[in-house]
C-alpha cells in the first residue's frame, strides 16, 4: 500500500511538472513576442528621432532665412531714408 501511494505521488508530480513545462513554454513565447515588439518599437523610435532631427534642421533654416529677410527690410528702409531725404 505504501508503494502505491509513492507511485501515486510521483505520478501527480509528473503531471504537475508537465503543466509547469507547458507554462514555461507559454512564458517563453510571450517573451519572444515581447522581444519582437521591443525591436519594432526601437526601430520606430529611431525613425522618429531622425524625422525630428530633420524637422529641427528645417526650422533652423527657415529661421535663418527669416532673419536674413528681416535684415533686407532694414537695409531697404535705411536706403529709402537716404534716397528720399534729399
N, C-alpha and C. Protein backbone atom coordinates (compact mmCIF):
# COMPACT_ATOMS: atom_id res chain seq x y z
N UNK A 1 0.82 -1.18 0.00
CA UNK A 1 0.00 0.00 0.00
C UNK A 1 0.86 1.25 0.00
N UNK A 2 1.91 1.21 0.75
CA UNK A 2 2.80 2.36 0.82
C UNK A 2 3.45 2.64 -0.53
N UNK A 3 3.82 1.58 -1.24
CA UNK A 3 4.40 1.74 -2.57
C UNK A 3 3.40 2.35 -3.54
N UNK A 4 2.16 1.98 -3.40
CA UNK A 4 1.12 2.53 -4.26
C UNK A 4 0.96 4.03 -4.05
N UNK A 5 1.09 4.45 -2.81
CA UNK A 5 0.99 5.88 -2.51
C UNK A 5 2.17 6.65 -3.09
N UNK A 6 3.36 6.06 -3.01
CA UNK A 6 4.55 6.69 -3.58
C UNK A 6 4.40 6.83 -5.08
N UNK A 7 3.91 5.78 -5.74
CA UNK A 7 3.70 5.82 -7.18
C UNK A 7 2.66 6.88 -7.53
N UNK A 8 1.61 6.96 -6.72
CA UNK A 8 0.57 7.96 -6.96
C UNK A 8 1.13 9.37 -6.81
N UNK A 9 1.95 9.60 -5.79
CA UNK A 9 2.57 10.91 -5.59
C UNK A 9 3.52 11.25 -6.73
N UNK A 10 4.31 10.28 -7.15
CA UNK A 10 5.22 10.50 -8.27
C UNK A 10 4.45 10.81 -9.55
N UNK A 11 3.34 10.13 -9.75
CA UNK A 11 2.50 10.38 -10.91
C UNK A 11 1.94 11.80 -10.87
N UNK A 12 1.47 12.21 -9.70
CA UNK A 12 0.95 13.58 -9.54
C UNK A 12 2.05 14.60 -9.80
N UNK A 13 3.26 14.32 -9.30
CA UNK A 13 4.38 15.23 -9.52
C UNK A 13 4.72 15.33 -11.01
N UNK A 14 4.65 14.20 -11.71
CA UNK A 14 4.94 14.19 -13.13
C UNK A 14 3.91 15.03 -13.89
N UNK A 15 2.65 14.87 -13.54
CA UNK A 15 1.58 15.66 -14.18
C UNK A 15 1.81 17.14 -13.90
N UNK A 16 2.15 17.46 -12.68
CA UNK A 16 2.41 18.84 -12.28
C UNK A 16 3.60 19.41 -13.05
N UNK A 17 4.65 18.61 -13.21
CA UNK A 17 5.84 19.05 -13.94
C UNK A 17 5.50 19.30 -15.41
N UNK A 18 4.66 18.47 -15.99
CA UNK A 18 4.25 18.67 -17.39
C UNK A 18 3.50 20.01 -17.53
N UNK A 19 2.62 20.27 -16.57
CA UNK A 19 1.89 21.54 -16.57
C UNK A 19 2.83 22.73 -16.46
N UNK A 20 3.82 22.59 -15.58
CA UNK A 20 4.80 23.67 -15.41
C UNK A 20 5.62 23.86 -16.67
N UNK A 21 5.93 22.75 -17.34
CA UNK A 21 6.70 22.83 -18.58
C UNK A 21 5.90 23.57 -19.65
N UNK A 22 4.62 23.30 -19.76
CA UNK A 22 3.77 24.00 -20.71
C UNK A 22 3.67 25.49 -20.37
N UNK A 23 3.54 25.79 -19.09
CA UNK A 23 3.51 27.19 -18.66
C UNK A 23 4.82 27.90 -19.02
N UNK A 24 5.93 27.18 -18.83
CA UNK A 24 7.23 27.76 -19.17
C UNK A 24 7.33 28.01 -20.67
N UNK A 25 6.83 27.09 -21.48
CA UNK A 25 6.85 27.29 -22.93
C UNK A 25 6.02 28.52 -23.31
N UNK A 26 4.85 28.66 -22.69
CA UNK A 26 3.99 29.82 -22.97
C UNK A 26 4.68 31.11 -22.55
N UNK A 27 5.35 31.09 -21.41
CA UNK A 27 6.08 32.27 -20.95
C UNK A 27 7.20 32.62 -21.92
N UNK A 28 7.91 31.61 -22.39
CA UNK A 28 8.98 31.84 -23.37
C UNK A 28 8.43 32.44 -24.66
N UNK A 29 7.27 31.95 -25.11
CA UNK A 29 6.64 32.51 -26.31
C UNK A 29 6.28 33.98 -26.09
N UNK A 30 5.77 34.28 -24.92
CA UNK A 30 5.41 35.67 -24.61
C UNK A 30 6.64 36.57 -24.64
N UNK A 31 7.73 36.08 -24.06
CA UNK A 31 8.97 36.88 -24.06
C UNK A 31 9.50 37.07 -25.47
N UNK A 32 9.39 36.04 -26.31
CA UNK A 32 9.83 36.18 -27.70
C UNK A 32 9.00 37.23 -28.42
N UNK A 33 7.69 37.19 -28.19
CA UNK A 33 6.81 38.21 -28.79
C UNK A 33 7.15 39.59 -28.25
N UNK A 34 7.42 39.66 -26.98
CA UNK A 34 7.78 40.95 -26.36
C UNK A 34 9.09 41.47 -26.94
N UNK A 35 10.06 40.59 -27.12
CA UNK A 35 11.34 41.00 -27.73
C UNK A 35 11.11 41.54 -29.14
N UNK A 36 10.26 40.87 -29.89
CA UNK A 36 9.96 41.31 -31.27
C UNK A 36 9.29 42.69 -31.24
N UNK A 37 8.36 42.89 -30.32
CA UNK A 37 7.68 44.18 -30.22
C UNK A 37 8.64 45.28 -29.80
N UNK A 38 9.54 44.96 -28.89
CA UNK A 38 10.52 45.95 -28.45
C UNK A 38 11.44 46.34 -29.61
N UNK A 39 11.86 45.37 -30.39
CA UNK A 39 12.70 45.67 -31.55
C UNK A 39 11.97 46.59 -32.53
N UNK A 40 10.70 46.30 -32.78
CA UNK A 40 9.92 47.15 -33.69
C UNK A 40 9.78 48.57 -33.12
N UNK A 41 9.55 48.66 -31.82
CA UNK A 41 9.43 49.98 -31.20
C UNK A 41 10.75 50.74 -31.26
N UNK A 42 11.86 50.04 -31.07
CA UNK A 42 13.16 50.69 -31.16
C UNK A 42 13.42 51.21 -32.58
N UNK A 43 13.04 50.42 -33.57
CA UNK A 43 13.20 50.87 -34.96
C UNK A 43 12.34 52.09 -35.23
N UNK A 44 11.09 52.05 -34.73
CA UNK A 44 10.19 53.19 -34.94
C UNK A 44 10.71 54.42 -34.22
N UNK A 45 11.25 54.24 -33.02
CA UNK A 45 11.80 55.37 -32.28
C UNK A 45 12.99 55.98 -33.01
N UNK A 46 13.82 55.15 -33.59
CA UNK A 46 14.97 55.65 -34.36
C UNK A 46 14.49 56.46 -35.56
N UNK A 47 13.45 55.97 -36.25
CA UNK A 47 12.90 56.71 -37.39
C UNK A 47 12.30 58.04 -36.93
N UNK A 48 11.62 58.02 -35.80
CA UNK A 48 11.02 59.24 -35.27
C UNK A 48 12.10 60.25 -34.90
N UNK A 49 13.17 59.76 -34.28
CA UNK A 49 14.27 60.65 -33.92
C UNK A 49 14.91 61.29 -35.16
N UNK A 50 15.07 60.52 -36.22
CA UNK A 50 15.62 61.06 -37.46
C UNK A 50 14.69 62.13 -38.04
N UNK A 51 13.39 61.85 -38.02
CA UNK A 51 12.44 62.82 -38.55
C UNK A 51 12.46 64.10 -37.73
N UNK A 52 12.55 63.97 -36.42
CA UNK A 52 12.61 65.15 -35.56
C UNK A 52 13.88 65.96 -35.82
N UNK A 53 14.98 65.27 -36.04
CA UNK A 53 16.24 65.97 -36.33
C UNK A 53 16.12 66.73 -37.65
N UNK A 54 15.49 66.11 -38.65
CA UNK A 54 15.30 66.79 -39.92
C UNK A 54 14.39 68.01 -39.76
N UNK A 55 13.36 67.86 -38.95
CA UNK A 55 12.46 68.99 -38.71
C UNK A 55 13.18 70.14 -38.02
N UNK A 56 14.00 69.80 -37.04
CA UNK A 56 14.77 70.86 -36.34
C UNK A 56 15.67 71.60 -37.33
N UNK A 57 16.33 70.83 -38.19
CA UNK A 57 17.21 71.45 -39.19
C UNK A 57 16.41 72.35 -40.12
N UNK A 58 15.25 71.89 -40.54
CA UNK A 58 14.41 72.70 -41.43
C UNK A 58 13.96 73.98 -40.73
N UNK A 59 13.56 73.87 -39.48
CA UNK A 59 13.13 75.05 -38.74
C UNK A 59 14.27 76.05 -38.58
N UNK A 60 15.46 75.53 -38.34
CA UNK A 60 16.60 76.43 -38.21
C UNK A 60 16.89 77.14 -39.53
N UNK A 61 16.76 76.43 -40.64
CA UNK A 61 16.96 77.06 -41.95
C UNK A 61 15.92 78.16 -42.20
N UNK A 62 14.67 77.86 -41.85
CA UNK A 62 13.62 78.86 -42.03
C UNK A 62 13.90 80.07 -41.14
N UNK A 63 14.32 79.83 -39.90
CA UNK A 63 14.63 80.93 -39.00
C UNK A 63 15.77 81.78 -39.57
N UNK A 64 16.78 81.14 -40.10
CA UNK A 64 17.89 81.89 -40.71
C UNK A 64 17.41 82.73 -41.89
N UNK A 65 16.54 82.15 -42.69
CA UNK A 65 16.02 82.90 -43.84
C UNK A 65 15.17 84.08 -43.38
N UNK A 66 14.39 83.89 -42.33
CA UNK A 66 13.58 84.99 -41.81
C UNK A 66 14.45 86.11 -41.26
N UNK A 67 15.52 85.74 -40.58
CA UNK A 67 16.45 86.75 -40.06
C UNK A 67 17.10 87.49 -41.23
N UNK A 68 17.50 86.75 -42.25
CA UNK A 68 18.12 87.35 -43.42
C UNK A 68 17.13 88.30 -44.11
N UNK A 69 15.88 87.88 -44.24
CA UNK A 69 14.85 88.72 -44.85
C UNK A 69 14.62 89.98 -44.01
N UNK A 70 14.62 89.82 -42.72
CA UNK A 70 14.46 90.97 -41.83
C UNK A 70 15.60 91.97 -42.04
N UNK A 71 16.79 91.47 -42.22
CA UNK A 71 17.94 92.34 -42.49
C UNK A 71 17.76 93.10 -43.80
N UNK A 72 17.21 92.44 -44.82
CA UNK A 72 16.95 93.13 -46.08
C UNK A 72 15.97 94.28 -45.89
N UNK A 73 14.93 94.03 -45.12
CA UNK A 73 13.93 95.07 -44.90
C UNK A 73 14.55 96.27 -44.17
N UNK A 74 15.41 95.99 -43.22
CA UNK A 74 16.09 97.09 -42.51
C UNK A 74 17.02 97.85 -43.45
N UNK A 75 17.73 97.13 -44.30
CA UNK A 75 18.63 97.78 -45.26
C UNK A 75 17.84 98.66 -46.23
N UNK A 76 16.75 98.11 -46.74
CA UNK A 76 15.93 98.87 -47.69
C UNK A 76 15.37 100.12 -47.02
N UNK A 77 14.94 100.00 -45.79
CA UNK A 77 14.41 101.16 -45.06
C UNK A 77 15.49 102.22 -44.92
N UNK A 78 16.70 101.84 -44.61
CA UNK A 78 17.79 102.81 -44.50
C UNK A 78 18.10 103.46 -45.85
N UNK A 79 18.11 102.65 -46.91
CA UNK A 79 18.34 103.20 -48.25
C UNK A 79 17.24 104.18 -48.64
N UNK A 80 16.00 103.82 -48.35
CA UNK A 80 14.90 104.73 -48.65
C UNK A 80 15.03 106.04 -47.92
N UNK A 81 15.46 105.96 -46.65
CA UNK A 81 15.65 107.18 -45.86
C UNK A 81 16.68 108.07 -46.53
N UNK A 82 17.79 107.47 -46.95
CA UNK A 82 18.87 108.24 -47.55
C UNK A 82 18.42 108.81 -48.89
N UNK A 83 17.81 107.98 -49.71
CA UNK A 83 17.42 108.40 -51.06
C UNK A 83 16.31 109.46 -51.01
N UNK A 84 15.31 109.26 -50.22
CA UNK A 84 14.16 110.14 -50.22
C UNK A 84 14.32 111.35 -49.30
N UNK A 85 15.35 111.35 -48.46
CA UNK A 85 15.56 112.51 -47.58
C UNK A 85 16.18 113.67 -48.34
N UNK A 86 16.77 113.45 -49.45
CA UNK A 86 17.43 114.52 -50.22
C UNK A 86 16.52 115.20 -51.15
